[in-house]
Amino acid sequence: MEVEQGRANINRLSITIGIACFLWMLNFLGITPFYPFMAEDLDTSVALLGQITALIAIISIPIGIITGPVADRFGYRKVLLSGIFTLSIGSLIVAFSPTYKFLLMLVPFGAISQATVRPLSIAIAGAHLAQEDRRRAVGLATVGMSTAGVFGIPVLTLIGSFWGWRMSFLCLTGLNAMLTIFLVRSIPRDREGVESIESPPLNPRAYAWMLTDVATVLLIASTFLRESSIWGFYTFRGAFFVETFRVGSQHIGWIFSIAGIGLLSGSAIAGSHRFRLPLSMIALLGITIMTLCCTLTLVLSLGLVLAVALTMITAFGLGFAMVATDTMIVNLAKGGRATTTSLNRAAANIGTSIGGVSGGLMLSLGGYRLLGVSVFLFGIAAFLFVLFSSFLRGRRKAGK
């Protein structure tokens, strides 16, 4: 009976983490399909609206570096819930924005949730779950993110098609409020002694472990390189299909949903107890699949069906890599768990920005084929960093 109760608690926590990440990703991506309609109503341009998402990602980087040690010092639950509370504030700001300048108030609230929700969810999994259960929890966190794209965004756009984008965000605010109540009740309280570091927040000593834990630093660097690779493509994915295959905007939505199914499937399989490959092998396999399929999509002259299929397989590989890398990082963390996972999230956000900038540069210099070369080089570098990290961990175990 106690075993069954323990398993139920593990499943409840894993599902709670998945719901938190679903809610965060739905709010982060939810604004993007409405850019053309919002631009008309707010008397601005789609390009300026697009800068809001970029600003959120950039500003979240220093916030994450600060909030990681704060969470290790004062508790994961408090910081995670603060990030979740900002989601309702952000969706209300969008729903009632009369001007573009007013909409910019979304940026700090979006940056707080971007910096806290996923890394603190993973830190909580590391604190409350045994090592063999963490992979499933991280897998469900990534499944939650992909579910937002596959199901959540289409529902928001359906509401918007009938009653306008403001009603979509009012409905999103209601969903935020309901799920926030659930998360407040479901996220476990911090255990006494959960924090891994004793230095006060904002003290550089919180990151002193980086000087000795080279294996974890290499994994975090691989996150940066992987995100630089995939976001070189994802930033221009819609434009690629429109310009290469002359598809309409309604078809782009379906292509994004199909890719989301790939990410969902890859995350679910990588997080399953039945998938018994070592985490380092899963990460290497995922990066290989992601890099090769993405490069082939951009470099070769393929038909639409094959290009969409490769895009889905690319996302499948990304799901493998994300789950395996994030689980290894929380398992290996020598510093505070929140400090380490927040630093990894900051690396991902930097990679997202670098991928978009470098992708745009490659596109202007040599078109989509040169972009494919850039994606390949970043992906190969990510593969090598994971491989070298695995080698160092193997040597460390052998030394013991």
Protein backbone atom coordinates (compact mmCIF):
# COMPACT_ATOMS: atom_id res chain seq x y z
CA MET A 1 0.00 0.00 0.00
CA GLU A 2 2.84 2.40 0.89
CA VAL A 3 4.55 1.58 -2.41
CA GLU A 4 1.36 2.39 -4.34
CA GLN A 5 0.96 5.65 -2.39
CA GLY A 6 4.57 6.57 -3.10
CA ARG A 7 4.13 5.88 -6.81
CA ALA A 8 0.94 7.98 -6.86
CA ASN A 9 2.82 10.90 -5.28
CA ILE A 10 5.60 10.57 -7.88
CA ASN A 11 3.06 10.56 -10.71
CA ARG A 12 1.22 13.55 -9.22
CA LEU A 13 4.42 15.58 -8.98
CA SER A 14 5.47 14.65 -12.53
CA ILE A 15 2.06 15.67 -13.91
CA THR A 16 2.16 18.91 -11.89
CA ILE A 17 5.53 19.78 -13.45
CA GLY A 18 4.12 19.02 -16.91
CA ILE A 19 1.12 21.32 -16.33
CA ALA A 20 3.36 24.16 -15.12
CA CYS A 21 5.50 23.92 -18.26
CA PHE A 22 2.41 23.64 -20.48
CA LEU A 23 0.99 26.85 -19.00
CA TRP A 24 4.30 28.71 -19.36
CA MET A 25 4.81 27.71 -23.00
CA LEU A 26 1.19 28.45 -23.94
CA ASN A 27 1.56 31.99 -22.58
CA PHE A 28 4.97 32.47 -24.20
CA LEU A 29 3.88 31.32 -27.67
CA GLY A 30 0.22 32.33 -27.47
CA ILE A 31 0.76 35.88 -28.69
CA THR A 32 2.61 34.95 -31.90
CA PRO A 33 -0.33 33.80 -34.10
CA PHE A 34 -2.17 37.07 -33.43
CA TYR A 35 0.57 39.48 -34.54
CA PRO A 36 -1.16 40.58 -37.80
CA PHE A 37 -4.47 41.31 -36.03
CA MET A 38 -2.84 42.98 -33.04
CA ALA A 39 -0.69 45.14 -35.34
CA GLU A 40 -3.83 46.48 -37.01
CA ASP A 41 -5.67 47.16 -33.74
CA LEU A 42 -2.69 48.68 -31.92
CA ASP A 43 -1.51 50.73 -34.91
CA THR A 44 1.93 49.13 -35.03
CA SER A 45 3.84 46.61 -37.16
CA VAL A 46 4.27 42.85 -36.98
CA ALA A 47 8.05 43.39 -36.79
CA LEU A 48 7.72 45.50 -33.63
CA LEU A 49 5.38 42.98 -32.02
CA GLY A 50 7.91 40.25 -32.78
CA GLN A 51 10.51 42.16 -30.77
CA ILE A 52 8.46 41.59 -27.60
CA THR A 53 9.14 37.84 -27.64
CA ALA A 54 12.82 38.51 -28.32
CA LEU A 55 12.99 41.02 -25.45
CA ILE A 56 11.39 38.53 -23.07
CA ALA A 57 14.00 35.90 -23.96
CA ILE A 58 16.92 38.33 -23.62
CA ILE A 59 15.82 39.95 -20.34
CA SER A 60 15.12 36.52 -18.83
CA ILE A 61 18.84 35.67 -19.05
CA PRO A 62 20.09 37.91 -16.18
CA ILE A 63 16.88 37.25 -14.23
CA GLY A 64 17.55 33.50 -14.39
CA ILE A 65 21.16 33.92 -13.28
CA ILE A 66 19.92 35.87 -10.23
CA THR A 67 16.83 33.80 -9.33
CA GLY A 68 18.67 30.46 -9.38
CA PRO A 69 20.77 31.18 -6.26
CA VAL A 70 17.79 32.97 -4.67
CA ALA A 71 15.68 29.82 -5.08
CA ASP A 72 18.45 27.63 -3.66
CA ARG A 73 18.60 29.91 -0.65
CA PHE A 74 14.91 30.59 0.04
CA GLY A 75 13.11 27.65 -1.56
CA TYR A 76 12.13 26.44 -5.03
CA ARG A 77 8.37 26.56 -4.47
CA LYS A 78 8.20 30.29 -3.71
CA VAL A 79 10.21 31.30 -6.77
CA LEU A 80 8.36 28.89 -9.08
CA LEU A 81 4.96 30.16 -7.92
CA SER A 82 6.08 33.76 -8.41
CA GLY A 83 6.82 32.88 -12.04
CA ILE A 84 3.44 31.18 -12.44
CA PHE A 85 1.57 34.15 -10.92
CA THR A 86 3.12 36.48 -13.51
CA LEU A 87 1.44 34.50 -16.30
CA SER A 88 -2.04 35.76 -15.35
CA ILE A 89 -0.75 39.34 -15.11
CA GLY A 90 0.86 39.06 -18.54
CA SER A 91 -2.24 37.66 -20.27
CA LEU A 92 -4.39 40.42 -18.74
CA ILE A 93 -1.96 43.06 -20.03
CA VAL A 94 -2.28 41.62 -23.54
CA ALA A 95 -6.08 41.40 -23.37
CA PHE A 96 -6.53 45.06 -22.35
CA SER A 97 -3.62 46.69 -24.20
CA PRO A 98 -4.82 49.90 -25.90
CA THR A 99 -1.41 50.69 -27.45
CA TYR A 100 1.92 49.07 -28.28
CA LYS A 101 3.64 51.01 -25.48
CA PHE A 102 1.17 49.61 -22.96
CA LEU A 103 1.81 46.11 -24.33
CA LEU A 104 5.51 46.50 -23.51
CA MET A 105 4.52 46.10 -19.85
CA LEU A 106 4.26 42.40 -20.70
CA VAL A 107 8.05 42.11 -21.08
CA PRO A 108 9.20 42.04 -17.41
CA PHE A 109 6.41 39.65 -16.38
CA GLY A 110 7.09 37.38 -19.35
CA ALA A 111 10.82 37.43 -18.58
CA ILE A 112 10.23 36.36 -14.96
CA SER A 113 8.15 33.35 -16.02
CA GLN A 114 10.62 32.51 -18.80
CA ALA A 115 13.48 32.51 -16.28
CA THR A 116 11.76 30.53 -13.54
CA VAL A 117 9.03 28.08 -14.56
CA ARG A 118 10.92 25.34 -16.43
CA PRO A 119 14.24 25.47 -14.49
CA LEU A 120 12.52 25.56 -11.09
CA SER A 121 10.15 22.75 -12.12
CA ILE A 122 13.17 20.60 -12.97
CA ALA A 123 14.92 21.62 -9.74
CA ILE A 124 11.85 20.49 -7.76
CA ALA A 125 11.94 17.15 -9.58
CA GLY A 126 15.60 16.82 -8.60
CA ALA A 127 14.86 17.62 -4.96
CA HIS A 128 11.81 15.40 -4.45
CA LEU A 129 12.33 12.47 -6.81
CA ALA A 130 14.86 9.67 -6.91
CA GLN A 131 17.25 9.63 -9.86
CA GLU A 132 15.32 6.92 -11.73
CA ASP A 133 12.10 8.99 -11.56
CA ARG A 134 13.57 12.34 -12.59
CA ARG A 135 13.82 11.43 -16.26
CA ARG A 136 10.08 10.81 -16.47
CA ALA A 137 9.34 14.12 -14.74
CA VAL A 138 11.63 16.04 -17.12
CA GLY A 139 10.04 14.15 -20.02
CA LEU A 140 6.56 15.24 -18.90
CA ALA A 141 7.80 18.83 -18.55
CA THR A 142 8.84 18.77 -22.21
CA VAL A 143 5.62 16.97 -23.19
CA GLY A 144 3.72 19.80 -21.50
CA MET A 145 5.64 22.36 -23.55
CA SER A 146 4.93 20.56 -26.83
CA THR A 147 1.25 20.05 -25.92
CA ALA A 148 0.91 23.83 -25.73
CA GLY A 149 1.89 24.05 -29.40
CA VAL A 150 -0.06 21.02 -30.62
CA PHE A 151 -3.36 21.66 -28.81
CA GLY A 152 -3.23 24.92 -26.86
CA ILE A 153 -2.35 27.33 -29.67
CA PRO A 154 -5.00 25.94 -32.08
CA VAL A 155 -7.67 26.40 -29.38
CA LEU A 156 -6.58 30.00 -28.77
CA THR A 157 -6.64 30.76 -32.50
CA LEU A 158 -10.06 29.11 -32.83
CA ILE A 159 -11.44 31.38 -30.10
CA GLY A 160 -9.78 34.35 -31.78
CA SER A 161 -11.32 33.52 -35.16
CA PHE A 162 -14.82 33.86 -33.64
CA TRP A 163 -14.46 36.56 -30.98
CA GLY A 164 -11.11 38.26 -31.61
CA TRP A 165 -7.67 38.08 -30.06
CA ARG A 166 -8.64 39.97 -26.90
CA MET A 167 -11.18 37.28 -26.01
CA SER A 168 -8.50 34.64 -26.58
CA PHE A 169 -6.33 36.25 -23.92
CA LEU A 170 -9.24 36.74 -21.53
CA CYS A 171 -9.90 33.00 -21.83
CA LEU A 172 -6.18 32.35 -21.34
CA THR A 173 -6.29 34.48 -18.17
CA GLY A 174 -9.13 32.32 -16.86
CA LEU A 175 -7.14 29.16 -17.63
CA ASN A 176 -4.08 30.68 -15.96
CA ALA A 177 -6.09 31.43 -12.81
CA MET A 178 -7.65 27.96 -12.59
CA LEU A 179 -4.40 26.09 -13.17
CA THR A 180 -2.52 28.42 -10.81
CA ILE A 181 -4.91 27.40 -8.01
CA PHE A 182 -4.24 23.75 -8.86
CA LEU A 183 -0.47 24.31 -8.91
CA VAL A 184 -0.48 26.17 -5.57
CA ARG A 185 -2.14 23.13 -4.03
CA SER A 186 -0.04 20.55 -5.89
CA ILE A 187 3.54 21.87 -5.88
CA PRO A 188 5.16 20.32 -2.80
CA ARG A 189 6.61 22.44 -0.05
CA ASP A 190 10.38 22.58 0.06
CA ARG A 191 11.99 19.98 2.24
CA GLU A 192 14.20 21.21 5.01
CA GLY A 193 17.77 21.11 3.78
CA VAL A 194 16.81 20.91 0.11
CA GLU A 195 19.05 23.86 -0.74
CA SER A 196 22.46 22.75 -1.93
CA ILE A 197 24.49 25.89 -1.28
CA GLU A 198 24.93 28.07 1.75
CA SER A 199 26.27 31.24 0.14
CA PRO A 200 23.83 34.16 0.13
CA PRO A 201 21.95 35.01 -3.08
CA LEU A 202 23.69 37.22 -5.65
CA ASN A 203 27.08 36.08 -4.29
CA PRO A 204 29.46 34.97 -7.10
CA ARG A 205 30.34 31.95 -4.95
CA ALA A 206 27.00 30.47 -6.04
CA TYR A 207 28.72 29.68 -9.35
CA ALA A 208 32.09 28.60 -7.95
CA TRP A 209 31.31 24.97 -8.81
CA MET A 210 31.81 25.83 -12.50
CA LEU A 211 35.57 25.97 -11.90
CA THR A 212 35.73 22.27 -11.01
CA ASP A 213 32.65 20.62 -12.55
CA VAL A 214 33.76 20.74 -16.18
CA ALA A 215 31.41 17.92 -17.23
CA THR A 216 28.30 19.88 -16.22
CA VAL A 217 29.64 23.10 -17.77
CA LEU A 218 30.12 21.22 -21.05
CA LEU A 219 26.52 19.99 -20.91
CA ILE A 220 25.26 23.54 -20.36
CA ALA A 221 27.43 24.69 -23.28
CA SER A 222 25.89 21.92 -25.40
CA THR A 223 22.44 23.32 -24.55
CA PHE A 224 23.54 26.70 -25.90
CA LEU A 225 24.91 25.13 -29.10
CA ARG A 226 21.86 22.88 -29.61
CA GLU A 227 19.45 25.80 -29.26
CA SER A 228 21.62 27.93 -31.58
CA SER A 229 21.35 25.13 -34.13
CA ILE A 230 17.62 24.47 -33.97
CA TRP A 231 16.55 28.11 -33.63
CA GLY A 232 18.60 29.02 -36.67
CA PHE A 233 15.96 26.96 -38.46
CA TYR A 234 12.90 27.57 -36.25
CA THR A 235 13.19 31.36 -36.49
CA PHE A 236 12.73 31.13 -40.26
CA ARG A 237 10.74 27.90 -40.50
CA GLY A 238 7.50 29.58 -41.55
CA ALA A 239 9.26 31.72 -44.14
CA PHE A 240 11.10 28.65 -45.47
CA PHE A 241 7.89 26.76 -46.21
CA VAL A 242 6.12 29.81 -47.63
CA GLU A 243 8.98 30.79 -49.94
CA THR A 244 10.05 27.28 -50.93
CA PHE A 245 6.68 25.55 -51.33
CA ARG A 246 4.28 28.52 -51.69
CA VAL A 247 2.03 27.29 -48.88
CA GLY A 248 -0.55 29.54 -47.24
CA SER A 249 -0.73 30.68 -43.64
CA GLN A 250 -3.35 28.06 -42.75
CA HIS A 251 -0.97 25.30 -43.87
CA ILE A 252 1.86 26.76 -41.77
CA GLY A 253 -0.26 26.18 -38.67
CA TRP A 254 -0.63 22.51 -39.56
CA ILE A 255 3.10 22.17 -40.22
CA PHE A 256 3.86 23.63 -36.79
CA SER A 257 1.37 21.24 -35.17
CA ILE A 258 2.94 18.24 -36.92
CA ALA A 259 6.37 19.32 -35.66
CA GLY A 260 4.86 19.66 -32.18
CA ILE A 261 3.68 16.05 -32.37
CA GLY A 262 7.28 15.05 -33.11
CA LEU A 263 8.55 16.94 -30.04
CA LEU A 264 5.79 15.45 -27.89
CA SER A 265 6.58 11.90 -29.05
CA GLY A 266 10.34 12.27 -28.62
CA SER A 267 9.94 13.73 -25.13
CA ALA A 268 7.52 11.02 -24.02
CA ILE A 269 9.76 8.19 -25.27
CA ALA A 270 12.96 9.69 -23.85
CA GLY A 271 11.28 10.12 -20.45
CA SER A 272 9.87 6.60 -20.34
CA HIS A 273 11.26 4.03 -17.89
CA ARG A 274 10.98 1.44 -20.65
CA PHE A 275 13.49 3.28 -22.82
CA ARG A 276 16.64 1.98 -21.17
CA LEU A 277 19.45 3.66 -23.09
CA PRO A 278 21.88 5.70 -20.95
CA LEU A 279 21.04 9.40 -20.82
CA SER A 280 24.24 10.41 -22.63
CA MET A 281 23.39 8.04 -25.49
CA ILE A 282 19.85 9.45 -25.72
CA ALA A 283 21.25 13.00 -25.87
CA LEU A 284 23.78 12.09 -28.57
CA LEU A 285 21.17 10.21 -30.59
CA GLY A 286 18.72 13.11 -30.30
CA ILE A 287 21.26 15.73 -31.41
CA THR A 288 22.28 13.51 -34.35
CA ILE A 289 18.68 13.04 -35.52
CA MET A 290 17.88 16.74 -35.05
CA THR A 291 20.99 18.00 -36.86
CA LEU A 292 20.89 15.64 -39.83
CA CYS A 293 17.16 15.96 -40.52
CA CYS A 294 17.17 19.74 -40.14
CA THR A 295 20.22 20.10 -42.40
CA LEU A 296 18.74 17.83 -45.08
CA THR A 297 15.49 19.83 -45.02
CA LEU A 298 17.33 23.08 -45.72
CA VAL A 299 20.08 21.89 -48.07
CA LEU A 300 18.32 19.42 -50.37
CA SER A 301 15.53 20.20 -52.82
CA LEU A 302 12.82 18.02 -51.31
CA GLY A 303 9.09 17.76 -51.87
CA LEU A 304 6.69 19.32 -49.38
CA VAL A 305 5.60 16.03 -47.79
CA LEU A 306 9.18 14.85 -47.21
CA ALA A 307 10.22 18.26 -45.86
CA VAL A 308 7.33 18.25 -43.37
CA ALA A 309 8.18 14.67 -42.34
CA LEU A 310 11.82 15.62 -41.73
CA THR A 311 10.68 18.64 -39.73
CA MET A 312 8.67 16.34 -37.47
CA ILE A 313 11.63 13.96 -37.06
CA THR A 314 13.84 16.98 -36.29
CA ALA A 315 11.52 17.89 -33.42
CA PHE A 316 11.48 14.23 -32.31
CA GLY A 317 15.28 14.33 -31.98
CA LEU A 318 15.09 17.66 -30.16
CA GLY A 319 12.75 16.07 -27.59
CA PHE A 320 15.30 13.29 -27.00
CA ALA A 321 18.13 15.78 -26.52
CA MET A 322 16.22 18.15 -24.22
CA VAL A 323 14.97 15.46 -21.84
CA ALA A 324 18.30 13.64 -21.61
CA THR A 325 20.44 16.77 -21.20
CA ASP A 326 18.18 18.42 -18.62
CA THR A 327 17.99 15.19 -16.60
CA MET A 328 21.78 14.76 -16.65
CA ILE A 329 22.25 18.36 -15.51
CA VAL A 330 19.92 18.03 -12.52
CA ASN A 331 21.50 14.67 -11.61
CA LEU A 332 25.06 15.99 -11.81
CA ALA A 333 24.51 19.39 -10.16
CA LYS A 334 27.27 20.08 -7.63
CA GLY A 335 26.07 23.60 -6.93
CA GLY A 336 22.49 24.43 -6.05
CA ARG A 337 19.99 22.63 -8.28
CA ALA A 338 18.08 25.82 -9.07
CA THR A 339 21.34 27.67 -9.80
CA THR A 340 22.40 24.95 -12.24
CA THR A 341 19.03 24.51 -13.98
CA SER A 342 18.52 28.29 -14.23
CA LEU A 343 21.97 28.69 -15.77
CA ASN A 344 21.09 25.96 -18.27
CA ARG A 345 17.86 27.81 -19.15
CA ALA A 346 19.83 31.04 -19.57
CA ALA A 347 22.19 29.21 -21.94
CA ALA A 348 19.16 28.01 -23.92
CA ASN A 349 17.79 31.56 -24.18
CA ILE A 350 21.17 32.88 -25.34
CA GLY A 351 21.27 30.09 -27.92
CA THR A 352 17.79 31.00 -29.13
CA SER A 353 18.91 34.59 -29.68
CA ILE A 354 22.21 33.64 -31.33
CA GLY A 355 20.44 31.12 -33.56
CA GLY A 356 18.04 33.77 -34.82
CA VAL A 357 20.78 36.33 -35.44
CA SER A 358 23.22 33.90 -37.10
CA GLY A 359 20.38 32.33 -39.09
CA GLY A 360 19.36 35.72 -40.45
CA LEU A 361 22.97 36.47 -41.39
CA MET A 362 23.41 33.13 -43.20
CA LEU A 363 20.09 33.62 -44.96
CA SER A 364 21.11 37.04 -46.24
CA LEU A 365 24.52 35.79 -47.39
CA GLY A 366 23.63 32.49 -49.05
CA GLY A 367 19.97 31.58 -48.63
CA TYR A 368 18.55 28.49 -46.97
CA ARG A 369 21.40 26.19 -48.04
CA LEU A 370 23.96 28.29 -46.16
CA LEU A 371 21.55 28.38 -43.21
CA GLY A 372 21.58 24.57 -43.34
CA VAL A 373 25.38 24.58 -43.09
CA SER A 374 25.19 26.83 -40.02
CA VAL A 375 22.61 24.53 -38.40
CA PHE A 376 24.88 21.55 -39.09
CA LEU A 377 28.00 23.16 -37.58
CA PHE A 378 26.21 24.23 -34.38
CA GLY A 379 24.69 20.75 -34.09
CA ILE A 380 28.04 18.98 -34.54
CA ALA A 381 29.57 21.21 -31.86
CA ALA A 382 26.70 20.34 -29.46
CA PHE A 383 27.27 16.63 -30.17
CA LEU A 384 31.00 16.90 -29.41
CA PHE A 385 30.40 18.78 -26.14
CA VAL A 386 27.99 16.09 -24.89
CA LEU A 387 30.45 13.39 -25.97
CA PHE A 388 33.36 15.05 -24.16
CA SER A 389 31.21 15.58 -21.04
CA SER A 390 30.32 11.89 -21.07
CA PHE A 391 34.02 11.00 -21.42
CA LEU A 392 34.93 13.17 -18.41
CA ARG A 393 32.17 11.63 -16.28
CA GLY A 394 33.40 8.17 -17.25
CA ARG A 395 36.95 9.04 -16.20
CA ARG A 396 35.68 10.48 -12.93
CA LYS A 397 33.78 7.27 -12.13
CA ALA A 398 36.79 5.15 -13.07
CA GLY A 399 38.96 7.26 -10.75
CA LYS A 400 36.66 6.48 -7.85
